[in-house]
Amino acid sequence: MHTSREGGRTDGRMTTSTIPQVPSTTAAVAVEGVSHEYETHDGVLLRALDGIDLSVRDGEFVSIVGPSGCGKTTLLRIVAGLIEPATGRARVLGGEPEAARAERAFGLVAQEPGLLPWRTVAGNVALSFELAGRRADPAEVSTLLGHAGIERFADYFPRELSGGMRQRVALARALAHGPRVLLMDEPFGALDEFSREELRLELLRLWERERPSVLFVTHAIREAVLLSDRVVVLSRRPGRVVADVPIDLRRPRDAGVEDTPAFLDHVARVRDALREAGG
């Protein structure tokens, strides 16, 4: 089961929501003039972001790349409503990030999957339903595990899984309540290259099925190009948007697209923009 774009349910039972309805022409995520500063241990203000403007349309997949320390994770945390910007604002589904988070309109996936070690795979995915205030239907949990390719590991504990398998569980958990916005912070950064390639394709398949709006942070240029509709390039700290590269590759995509001249041309464009940004 997943939620519809109108915020109702596909099983015929209606729910009420304070999240505004977002027409397809309206940004699901809008960041306007956002700057942010951190205070160091010796009291010096360190500017992490400076005047960031970007948007993610309904159902769009946007990646953010940039040099280490340019504020990518900080920007994602501002969109999630976890920290307040020094200037500017972030809007999610037409309202404040805190409202979207309270309505569980977000799905969050980080580099560390954050699974509860005392719960099985099925129990970790069921947690998403429980936090939404409803009983986890075993059939729904099983379907989600099947979509993520981990159904036969339902009774395993996190310690019994590889890093790639744990991230599959994190993906299934994040998608369990049908989020309209998916925020992903280097979700494959700790994995070996084989697992990364496998999970990239799995994410593409799951995104094609549900079509949430995605804001995806990564250091990997090829990964960003493979996944995205657009790649936003940030400069060195303080992070500023220096390029917004449209990725005009056919969908649905598979591993074969990475061998095409068009793909390599997009990679070169993003790499050139990153090089100019000081990456």
C-alpha atoms as a PDB file:
ATOM      1  CA  MET A   1       0.000   0.000   0.000  1.00  0.00           C
ATOM      2  CA  HIS A   2       1.166   3.503  -0.669  1.00  0.00           C
ATOM      3  CA  THR A   3      -0.293   6.942  -0.439  1.00  0.00           C
ATOM      4  CA  SER A   4      -1.595   8.707  -3.498  1.00  0.00           C
ATOM      5  CA  ARG A   5      -0.363  12.075  -4.724  1.00  0.00           C
ATOM      6  CA  GLU A   6      -3.522  13.602  -3.285  1.00  0.00           C
ATOM      7  CA  GLY A   7      -2.585  12.486   0.208  1.00  0.00           C
ATOM      8  CA  GLY A   8      -5.362   9.887   0.486  1.00  0.00           C
ATOM      9  CA  ARG A   9      -5.017   6.125   0.514  1.00  0.00           C
ATOM     10  CA  THR A  10      -5.191   3.596  -2.249  1.00  0.00           C
ATOM     11  CA  ASP A  11      -7.139   1.091  -0.138  1.00  0.00           C
ATOM     12  CA  GLY A  12     -10.341   3.148  -0.210  1.00  0.00           C
ATOM     13  CA  ARG A  13     -10.110   4.599   3.306  1.00  0.00           C
ATOM     14  CA  MET A  14      -9.662   8.346   3.435  1.00  0.00           C
ATOM     15  CA  THR A  15      -7.282  10.160   5.734  1.00  0.00           C
ATOM     16  CA  THR A  16      -7.074  13.817   6.647  1.00  0.00           C
ATOM     17  CA  SER A  17      -3.881  15.776   6.128  1.00  0.00           C
ATOM     18  CA  THR A  18      -2.689  19.311   6.706  1.00  0.00           C
ATOM     19  CA  ILE A  19      -0.100  18.992   3.930  1.00  0.00           C
ATOM     20  CA  PRO A  20      -1.145  21.221   0.997  1.00  0.00           C
ATOM     21  CA  GLN A  21      -1.884  19.471  -2.274  1.00  0.00           C
ATOM     22  CA  VAL A  22       0.928  20.119  -4.755  1.00  0.00           C
ATOM     23  CA  PRO A  23       0.062  20.477  -8.438  1.00  0.00           C
ATOM     24  CA  SER A  24       2.546  18.862 -10.815  1.00  0.00           C
ATOM     25  CA  THR A  25       3.759  22.339 -11.820  1.00  0.00           C
ATOM     26  CA  THR A  26       4.641  23.262  -8.219  1.00  0.00           C
ATOM     27  CA  ALA A  27       7.960  22.437  -6.555  1.00  0.00           C
ATOM     28  CA  ALA A  28       7.746  19.635  -4.004  1.00  0.00           C
ATOM     29  CA  VAL A  29      10.916  21.072  -2.456  1.00  0.00           C
ATOM     30  CA  ALA A  30      11.818  24.766  -2.757  1.00  0.00           C
ATOM     31  CA  VAL A  31      14.971  26.248  -1.211  1.00  0.00           C
ATOM     32  CA  GLU A  32      15.096  30.025  -1.384  1.00  0.00           C
ATOM     33  CA  GLY A  33      18.152  32.109  -0.460  1.00  0.00           C
ATOM     34  CA  VAL A  34      19.333  29.667   2.199  1.00  0.00           C
ATOM     35  CA  SER A  35      22.556  30.432   4.061  1.00  0.00           C
ATOM     36  CA  HIS A  36      23.850  28.740   7.188  1.00  0.00           C
ATOM     37  CA  GLU A  37      26.666  29.242   9.680  1.00  0.00           C
ATOM     38  CA  TYR A  38      28.236  27.055  12.336  1.00  0.00           C
ATOM     39  CA  GLU A  39      30.009  28.281  15.428  1.00  0.00           C
ATOM     40  CA  THR A  40      33.379  26.593  15.939  1.00  0.00           C
ATOM     41  CA  HIS A  41      34.719  25.537  19.350  1.00  0.00           C
ATOM     42  CA  ASP A  42      36.604  28.839  19.625  1.00  0.00           C
ATOM     43  CA  GLY A  43      33.537  30.957  18.835  1.00  0.00           C
ATOM     44  CA  VAL A  44      34.295  31.694  15.160  1.00  0.00           C
ATOM     45  CA  LEU A  45      31.331  31.640  12.766  1.00  0.00           C
ATOM     46  CA  LEU A  46      31.963  29.320   9.824  1.00  0.00           C
ATOM     47  CA  ARG A  47      29.660  29.853   6.822  1.00  0.00           C
ATOM     48  CA  ALA A  48      28.645  26.498   5.350  1.00  0.00           C
ATOM     49  CA  LEU A  49      26.053  27.620   2.765  1.00  0.00           C
ATOM     50  CA  ASP A  50      25.607  30.941   1.009  1.00  0.00           C
ATOM     51  CA  GLY A  51      22.446  31.973  -0.854  1.00  0.00           C
ATOM     52  CA  ILE A  52      21.279  28.552  -2.037  1.00  0.00           C
ATOM     53  CA  ASP A  53      18.320  28.437  -4.440  1.00  0.00           C
ATOM     54  CA  LEU A  54      17.101  25.108  -5.795  1.00  0.00           C
ATOM     55  CA  SER A  55      13.896  23.182  -6.346  1.00  0.00           C
ATOM     56  CA  VAL A  56      12.666  19.640  -6.880  1.00  0.00           C
ATOM     57  CA  ARG A  57       9.462  19.177  -8.860  1.00  0.00           C
ATOM     58  CA  ASP A  58       6.824  16.619  -7.979  1.00  0.00           C
ATOM     59  CA  GLY A  59       8.188  13.190  -8.913  1.00  0.00           C
ATOM     60  CA  GLU A  60      11.613  14.549  -9.920  1.00  0.00           C
ATOM     61  CA  PHE A  61      14.976  13.008  -8.962  1.00  0.00           C
ATOM     62  CA  VAL A  62      17.623  15.661  -8.197  1.00  0.00           C
ATOM     63  CA  SER A  63      21.170  14.934  -7.020  1.00  0.00           C
ATOM     64  CA  ILE A  64      23.548  17.314  -5.254  1.00  0.00           C
ATOM     65  CA  VAL A  65      27.288  16.946  -5.774  1.00  0.00           C
ATOM     66  CA  GLY A  66      30.136  19.105  -4.530  1.00  0.00           C
ATOM     67  CA  PRO A  67      33.506  19.065  -2.747  1.00  0.00           C
ATOM     68  CA  SER A  68      33.748  17.619   0.750  1.00  0.00           C
ATOM     69  CA  GLY A  69      32.664  20.138   3.369  1.00  0.00           C
ATOM     70  CA  CYS A  70      30.591  22.270   0.961  1.00  0.00           C
ATOM     71  CA  GLY A  71      27.406  21.902   3.009  1.00  0.00           C
ATOM     72  CA  LYS A  72      25.519  19.161   1.141  1.00  0.00           C
ATOM     73  CA  THR A  73      24.402  17.365   4.298  1.00  0.00           C
ATOM     74  CA  THR A  74      23.630  20.671   6.012  1.00  0.00           C
ATOM     75  CA  LEU A  75      21.339  21.581   3.112  1.00  0.00           C
ATOM     76  CA  LEU A  76      19.548  18.236   3.355  1.00  0.00           C
ATOM     77  CA  ARG A  77      19.048  18.714   7.101  1.00  0.00           C
ATOM     78  CA  ILE A  78      17.562  22.167   6.475  1.00  0.00           C
ATOM     79  CA  VAL A  79      15.112  20.694   3.949  1.00  0.00           C
ATOM     80  CA  ALA A  80      14.200  18.036   6.522  1.00  0.00           C
ATOM     81  CA  GLY A  81      13.501  20.742   9.120  1.00  0.00           C
ATOM     82  CA  LEU A  82      16.190  19.396  11.444  1.00  0.00           C
ATOM     83  CA  ILE A  83      18.110  22.687  11.570  1.00  0.00           C
ATOM     84  CA  GLU A  84      17.115  26.294  10.910  1.00  0.00           C
ATOM     85  CA  PRO A  85      18.927  28.287   8.207  1.00  0.00           C
ATOM     86  CA  ALA A  86      20.589  31.577   9.133  1.00  0.00           C
ATOM     87  CA  THR A  87      18.805  33.227   6.199  1.00  0.00           C
ATOM     88  CA  GLY A  88      16.263  32.157   3.620  1.00  0.00           C
ATOM     89  CA  ARG A  89      13.831  29.280   3.904  1.00  0.00           C
ATOM     90  CA  ALA A  90      13.004  25.782   2.728  1.00  0.00           C
ATOM     91  CA  ARG A  91       9.466  24.803   1.725  1.00  0.00           C
ATOM     92  CA  VAL A  92       8.292  21.214   1.383  1.00  0.00           C
ATOM     93  CA  LEU A  93       5.013  20.359  -0.343  1.00  0.00           C
ATOM     94  CA  GLY A  94       4.068  24.018  -0.106  1.00  0.00           C
ATOM     95  CA  GLY A  95       4.547  24.324   3.671  1.00  0.00           C
ATOM     96  CA  GLU A  96       7.100  24.253   6.458  1.00  0.00           C
ATOM     97  CA  PRO A  97       9.452  21.238   6.629  1.00  0.00           C
ATOM     98  CA  GLU A  98       8.314  20.553  10.207  1.00  0.00           C
ATOM     99  CA  ALA A  99       4.717  20.110   9.018  1.00  0.00           C
ATOM    100  CA  ALA A 100       5.775  17.670   6.305  1.00  0.00           C
ATOM    101  CA  ARG A 101       7.845  15.727   8.822  1.00  0.00           C
ATOM    102  CA  ALA A 102       4.975  15.620  11.315  1.00  0.00           C
ATOM    103  CA  GLU A 103       2.724  14.241   8.573  1.00  0.00           C
ATOM    104  CA  ARG A 104       5.408  11.649   7.719  1.00  0.00           C
ATOM    105  CA  ALA A 105       5.584  12.972   4.157  1.00  0.00           C
ATOM    106  CA  PHE A 106       9.354  12.380   4.274  1.00  0.00           C
ATOM    107  CA  GLY A 107      11.417   9.284   3.815  1.00  0.00           C
ATOM    108  CA  LEU A 108      14.990   9.580   5.102  1.00  0.00           C
ATOM    109  CA  VAL A 109      17.913   7.345   4.119  1.00  0.00           C
ATOM    110  CA  ALA A 110      21.431   8.084   5.423  1.00  0.00           C
ATOM    111  CA  GLN A 111      24.829   6.475   4.908  1.00  0.00           C
ATOM    112  CA  GLU A 112      24.325   4.499   8.104  1.00  0.00           C
ATOM    113  CA  PRO A 113      21.029   2.567   7.829  1.00  0.00           C
ATOM    114  CA  GLY A 114      20.244   3.009  11.546  1.00  0.00           C
ATOM    115  CA  LEU A 115      18.456  -0.317  11.921  1.00  0.00           C
ATOM    116  CA  LEU A 116      17.358  -1.461  15.375  1.00  0.00           C
ATOM    117  CA  PRO A 117      19.634  -4.425  16.176  1.00  0.00           C
ATOM    118  CA  TRP A 118      17.029  -6.199  18.331  1.00  0.00           C
ATOM    119  CA  ARG A 119      14.438  -6.199  15.531  1.00  0.00           C
ATOM    120  CA  THR A 120      14.398  -8.491  12.535  1.00  0.00           C
ATOM    121  CA  VAL A 121      14.363  -7.186   8.968  1.00  0.00           C
ATOM    122  CA  ALA A 122      10.560  -7.412   8.944  1.00  0.00           C
ATOM    123  CA  GLY A 123      10.410  -5.758  12.359  1.00  0.00           C
ATOM    124  CA  ASN A 124      12.537  -2.827  11.217  1.00  0.00           C
ATOM    125  CA  VAL A 125      10.300  -2.207   8.203  1.00  0.00           C
ATOM    126  CA  ALA A 126       7.182  -2.610  10.366  1.00  0.00           C
ATOM    127  CA  LEU A 127       8.492   0.181  12.592  1.00  0.00           C
ATOM    128  CA  SER A 128       7.687   2.721   9.886  1.00  0.00           C
ATOM    129  CA  PHE A 129       4.001   1.758  10.044  1.00  0.00           C
ATOM    130  CA  GLU A 130       4.026   1.829  13.847  1.00  0.00           C
ATOM    131  CA  LEU A 131       5.505   5.333  13.933  1.00  0.00           C
ATOM    132  CA  ALA A 132       2.684   6.400  11.624  1.00  0.00           C
ATOM    133  CA  GLY A 133       0.219   5.178  14.257  1.00  0.00           C
ATOM    134  CA  ARG A 134      -1.090   2.018  12.645  1.00  0.00           C
ATOM    135  CA  ARG A 135      -0.543  -1.706  12.863  1.00  0.00           C
ATOM    136  CA  ALA A 136       1.915  -3.173  10.384  1.00  0.00           C
ATOM    137  CA  ASP A 137       0.104  -5.606   8.096  1.00  0.00           C
ATOM    138  CA  PRO A 138       2.450  -8.600   7.574  1.00  0.00           C
ATOM    139  CA  ALA A 139       1.319  -8.831   3.940  1.00  0.00           C
ATOM    140  CA  GLU A 140       2.297  -5.182   3.324  1.00  0.00           C
ATOM    141  CA  VAL A 141       5.656  -5.697   4.999  1.00  0.00           C
ATOM    142  CA  SER A 142       6.257  -8.806   2.908  1.00  0.00           C
ATOM    143  CA  THR A 143       5.391  -6.911  -0.283  1.00  0.00           C
ATOM    144  CA  LEU A 144       7.835  -4.125   0.582  1.00  0.00           C
ATOM    145  CA  LEU A 145      10.589  -6.633   1.302  1.00  0.00           C
ATOM    146  CA  GLY A 146       9.846  -8.296  -2.025  1.00  0.00           C
ATOM    147  CA  HIS A 147      10.117  -4.988  -3.867  1.00  0.00           C
ATOM    148  CA  ALA A 148      13.509  -4.394  -2.228  1.00  0.00           C
ATOM    149  CA  GLY A 149      14.685  -7.926  -3.034  1.00  0.00           C
ATOM    150  CA  ILE A 150      15.044  -9.055   0.591  1.00  0.00           C
ATOM    151  CA  GLU A 151      11.866 -11.012   1.280  1.00  0.00           C
ATOM    152  CA  ARG A 152      13.737 -14.218   2.138  1.00  0.00           C
ATOM    153  CA  PHE A 153      15.713 -12.328   4.818  1.00  0.00           C
ATOM    154  CA  ALA A 154      12.589 -11.217   6.718  1.00  0.00           C
ATOM    155  CA  ASP A 155      13.539 -13.103   9.892  1.00  0.00           C
ATOM    156  CA  TYR A 156      17.219 -12.136   9.890  1.00  0.00           C
ATOM    157  CA  PHE A 157      18.706  -9.598  12.296  1.00  0.00           C
ATOM    158  CA  PRO A 158      20.817  -6.667  11.032  1.00  0.00           C
ATOM    159  CA  ARG A 159      24.040  -8.218  12.339  1.00  0.00           C
ATOM    160  CA  GLU A 160      23.454 -11.169   9.993  1.00  0.00           C
ATOM    161  CA  LEU A 161      23.302  -8.983   6.866  1.00  0.00           C
ATOM    162  CA  SER A 162      25.897  -7.402   4.605  1.00  0.00           C
ATOM    163  CA  GLY A 163      26.127  -3.620   4.325  1.00  0.00           C
ATOM    164  CA  GLY A 164      24.273  -3.691   1.019  1.00  0.00           C
ATOM    165  CA  MET A 165      21.483  -5.800   2.458  1.00  0.00           C
ATOM    166  CA  ARG A 166      21.111  -3.473   5.432  1.00  0.00           C
ATOM    167  CA  GLN A 167      20.707  -0.547   3.039  1.00  0.00           C
ATOM    168  CA  ARG A 168      17.985  -2.468   1.199  1.00  0.00           C
ATOM    169  CA  VAL A 169      16.168  -2.735   4.525  1.00  0.00           C
ATOM    170  CA  ALA A 170      16.634   1.008   5.088  1.00  0.00           C
ATOM    171  CA  LEU A 171      15.168   1.713   1.636  1.00  0.00           C
ATOM    172  CA  ALA A 172      12.181  -0.537   2.268  1.00  0.00           C
ATOM    173  CA  ARG A 173      11.608   1.135   5.639  1.00  0.00           C
ATOM    174  CA  ALA A 174      11.828   4.626   4.142  1.00  0.00           C
ATOM    175  CA  LEU A 175       9.287   3.754   1.438  1.00  0.00           C
ATOM    176  CA  ALA A 176       6.900   1.872   3.742  1.00  0.00           C
ATOM    177  CA  HIS A 177       4.571   4.790   4.452  1.00  0.00           C
ATOM    178  CA  GLY A 178       4.514   6.053   0.861  1.00  0.00           C
ATOM    179  CA  PRO A 179       6.562   9.248   1.334  1.00  0.00           C
ATOM    180  CA  ARG A 180       6.051  12.008  -1.182  1.00  0.00           C
ATOM    181  CA  VAL A 181       9.594  13.314  -0.629  1.00  0.00           C
ATOM    182  CA  LEU A 182      12.643  11.085  -0.210  1.00  0.00           C
ATOM    183  CA  LEU A 183      15.831  12.628   1.223  1.00  0.00           C
ATOM    184  CA  MET A 184      18.983  10.550   0.773  1.00  0.00           C
ATOM    185  CA  ASP A 185      22.394  11.443   2.221  1.00  0.00           C
ATOM    186  CA  GLU A 186      25.223   9.379   0.697  1.00  0.00           C
ATOM    187  CA  PRO A 187      23.172   6.181   1.169  1.00  0.00           C
ATOM    188  CA  PHE A 188      25.689   4.016  -0.714  1.00  0.00           C
ATOM    189  CA  GLY A 189      28.861   5.788   0.425  1.00  0.00           C
ATOM    190  CA  ALA A 190      30.039   3.033   2.779  1.00  0.00           C
ATOM    191  CA  LEU A 191      29.483   0.172   0.315  1.00  0.00           C
ATOM    192  CA  ASP A 192      31.893  -1.604  -2.007  1.00  0.00           C
ATOM    193  CA  GLU A 193      31.580  -0.761  -5.705  1.00  0.00           C
ATOM    194  CA  PHE A 194      29.718  -3.953  -6.600  1.00  0.00           C
ATOM    195  CA  SER A 195      27.109  -3.337  -3.885  1.00  0.00           C
ATOM    196  CA  ARG A 196      26.826   0.319  -4.930  1.00  0.00           C
ATOM    197  CA  GLU A 197      26.084  -0.628  -8.535  1.00  0.00           C
ATOM    198  CA  GLU A 198      23.492  -3.151  -7.419  1.00  0.00           C
ATOM    199  CA  LEU A 199      21.777  -0.703  -5.041  1.00  0.00           C
ATOM    200  CA  ARG A 200      21.743   2.116  -7.614  1.00  0.00           C
ATOM    201  CA  LEU A 201      19.721  -0.053  -9.982  1.00  0.00           C
ATOM    202  CA  GLU A 202      17.476  -1.204  -7.138  1.00  0.00           C
ATOM    203  CA  LEU A 203      16.808   2.411  -6.178  1.00  0.00           C
ATOM    204  CA  LEU A 204      15.972   3.281  -9.791  1.00  0.00           C
ATOM    205  CA  ARG A 205      13.499   0.412  -9.950  1.00  0.00           C
ATOM    206  CA  LEU A 206      11.839   1.379  -6.660  1.00  0.00           C
ATOM    207  CA  TRP A 207      11.698   5.056  -7.647  1.00  0.00           C
ATOM    208  CA  GLU A 208      10.094   4.201 -10.989  1.00  0.00           C
ATOM    209  CA  ARG A 209       7.425   2.252  -9.096  1.00  0.00           C
ATOM    210  CA  GLU A 210       6.543   4.949  -6.515  1.00  0.00           C
ATOM    211  CA  ARG A 211       7.848   8.202  -8.084  1.00  0.00           C
ATOM    212  CA  PRO A 212       8.494  10.237  -4.921  1.00  0.00           C
ATOM    213  CA  SER A 213      10.371  13.508  -5.263  1.00  0.00           C
ATOM    214  CA  VAL A 214      14.015  12.750  -4.405  1.00  0.00           C
ATOM    215  CA  LEU A 215      16.855  14.954  -3.176  1.00  0.00           C
ATOM    216  CA  PHE A 216      19.978  12.784  -3.257  1.00  0.00           C
ATOM    217  CA  VAL A 217      23.421  13.753  -1.913  1.00  0.00           C
ATOM    218  CA  THR A 218      26.442  11.945  -3.361  1.00  0.00           C
ATOM    219  CA  HIS A 219      30.149  12.352  -4.114  1.00  0.00           C
ATOM    220  CA  ALA A 220      29.919   9.999  -7.111  1.00  0.00           C
ATOM    221  CA  ILE A 221      29.384  11.759 -10.446  1.00  0.00           C
ATOM    222  CA  ARG A 222      28.422   8.628 -12.415  1.00  0.00           C
ATOM    223  CA  GLU A 223      25.943   7.677  -9.712  1.00  0.00           C
ATOM    224  CA  ALA A 224      24.356  11.137  -9.862  1.00  0.00           C
ATOM    225  CA  VAL A 225      24.044  11.029 -13.653  1.00  0.00           C
ATOM    226  CA  LEU A 226      22.617   7.498 -13.702  1.00  0.00           C
ATOM    227  CA  LEU A 227      19.913   8.294 -11.160  1.00  0.00           C
ATOM    228  CA  SER A 228      18.927  11.879 -11.793  1.00  0.00           C
ATOM    229  CA  ASP A 229      16.768  14.169 -13.857  1.00  0.00           C
ATOM    230  CA  ARG A 230      19.066  17.041 -12.813  1.00  0.00           C
ATOM    231  CA  VAL A 231      22.409  17.322 -11.025  1.00  0.00           C
ATOM    232  CA  VAL A 232      23.032  20.427  -8.907  1.00  0.00           C
ATOM    233  CA  VAL A 233      26.719  21.268  -8.373  1.00  0.00           C
ATOM    234  CA  LEU A 234      27.851  23.170  -5.265  1.00  0.00           C
ATOM    235  CA  SER A 235      31.090  25.123  -4.867  1.00  0.00           C
ATOM    236  CA  ARG A 236      33.629  24.784  -2.090  1.00  0.00           C
ATOM    237  CA  ARG A 237      32.595  26.123   1.312  1.00  0.00           C
ATOM    238  CA  PRO A 238      30.577  28.199   1.610  1.00  0.00           C
ATOM    239  CA  GLY A 239      28.446  26.129  -0.728  1.00  0.00           C
ATOM    240  CA  ARG A 240      26.842  28.005  -3.613  1.00  0.00           C
ATOM    241  CA  VAL A 241      24.995  26.598  -6.622  1.00  0.00           C
ATOM    242  CA  VAL A 242      27.416  26.881  -9.551  1.00  0.00           C
ATOM    243  CA  ALA A 243      25.664  24.593 -12.054  1.00  0.00           C
ATOM    244  CA  ASP A 244      22.321  22.874 -12.585  1.00  0.00           C
ATOM    245  CA  VAL A 245      22.849  20.180 -15.198  1.00  0.00           C
ATOM    246  CA  PRO A 246      19.783  18.550 -16.837  1.00  0.00           C
ATOM    247  CA  ILE A 247      20.250  14.824 -17.482  1.00  0.00           C
ATOM    248  CA  ASP A 248      18.520  14.116 -20.786  1.00  0.00           C
ATOM    249  CA  LEU A 249      18.748  10.337 -20.792  1.00  0.00           C
ATOM    250  CA  ARG A 250      15.883   7.978 -21.527  1.00  0.00           C
ATOM    251  CA  ARG A 251      13.904   6.358 -18.734  1.00  0.00           C
ATOM    252  CA  PRO A 252      13.589   3.731 -17.462  1.00  0.00           C
ATOM    253  CA  ARG A 253      17.363   3.366 -17.159  1.00  0.00           C
ATOM    254  CA  ASP A 254      19.536   0.313 -16.640  1.00  0.00           C
ATOM    255  CA  ALA A 255      23.244  -0.406 -16.347  1.00  0.00           C
ATOM    256  CA  GLY A 256      23.628  -0.383 -20.136  1.00  0.00           C
ATOM    257  CA  VAL A 257      23.086   3.374 -20.329  1.00  0.00           C
ATOM    258  CA  GLU A 258      26.472   3.915 -18.622  1.00  0.00           C
ATOM    259  CA  ASP A 259      28.257   2.703 -21.770  1.00  0.00           C
ATOM    260  CA  THR A 260      26.573   5.180 -24.107  1.00  0.00           C
ATOM    261  CA  PRO A 261      28.215   8.347 -25.469  1.00  0.00           C
ATOM    262  CA  ALA A 262      25.301  10.423 -24.145  1.00  0.00           C
ATOM    263  CA  PHE A 263      25.909   9.188 -20.596  1.00  0.00           C
ATOM    264  CA  LEU A 264      29.630   9.893 -20.793  1.00  0.00           C
ATOM    265  CA  ASP A 265      28.916  13.364 -22.158  1.00  0.00           C
ATOM    266  CA  HIS A 266      26.703  14.128 -19.149  1.00  0.00           C
ATOM    267  CA  VAL A 267      29.390  12.816 -16.785  1.00  0.00           C
ATOM    268  CA  ALA A 268      31.936  15.106 -18.442  1.00  0.00           C
ATOM    269  CA  ARG A 269      29.633  18.127 -18.095  1.00  0.00           C
ATOM    270  CA  VAL A 270      29.103  17.510 -14.375  1.00  0.00           C
ATOM    271  CA  ARG A 271      32.811  16.826 -13.843  1.00  0.00           C
ATOM    272  CA  ASP A 272      33.759  20.060 -15.624  1.00  0.00           C
ATOM    273  CA  ALA A 273      31.301  22.038 -13.492  1.00  0.00           C
ATOM    274  CA  LEU A 274      32.682  20.404 -10.339  1.00  0.00           C
ATOM    275  CA  ARG A 275      36.253  21.147 -11.395  1.00  0.00           C
ATOM    276  CA  GLU A 276      35.355  24.799 -11.972  1.00  0.00           C
ATOM    277  CA  ALA A 277      33.711  24.806  -8.524  1.00  0.00           C
ATOM    278  CA  GLY A 278      36.990  23.705  -6.967  1.00  0.00           C
ATOM    279  CA  GLY A 279      35.998  20.063  -6.434  1.00  0.00           C
END
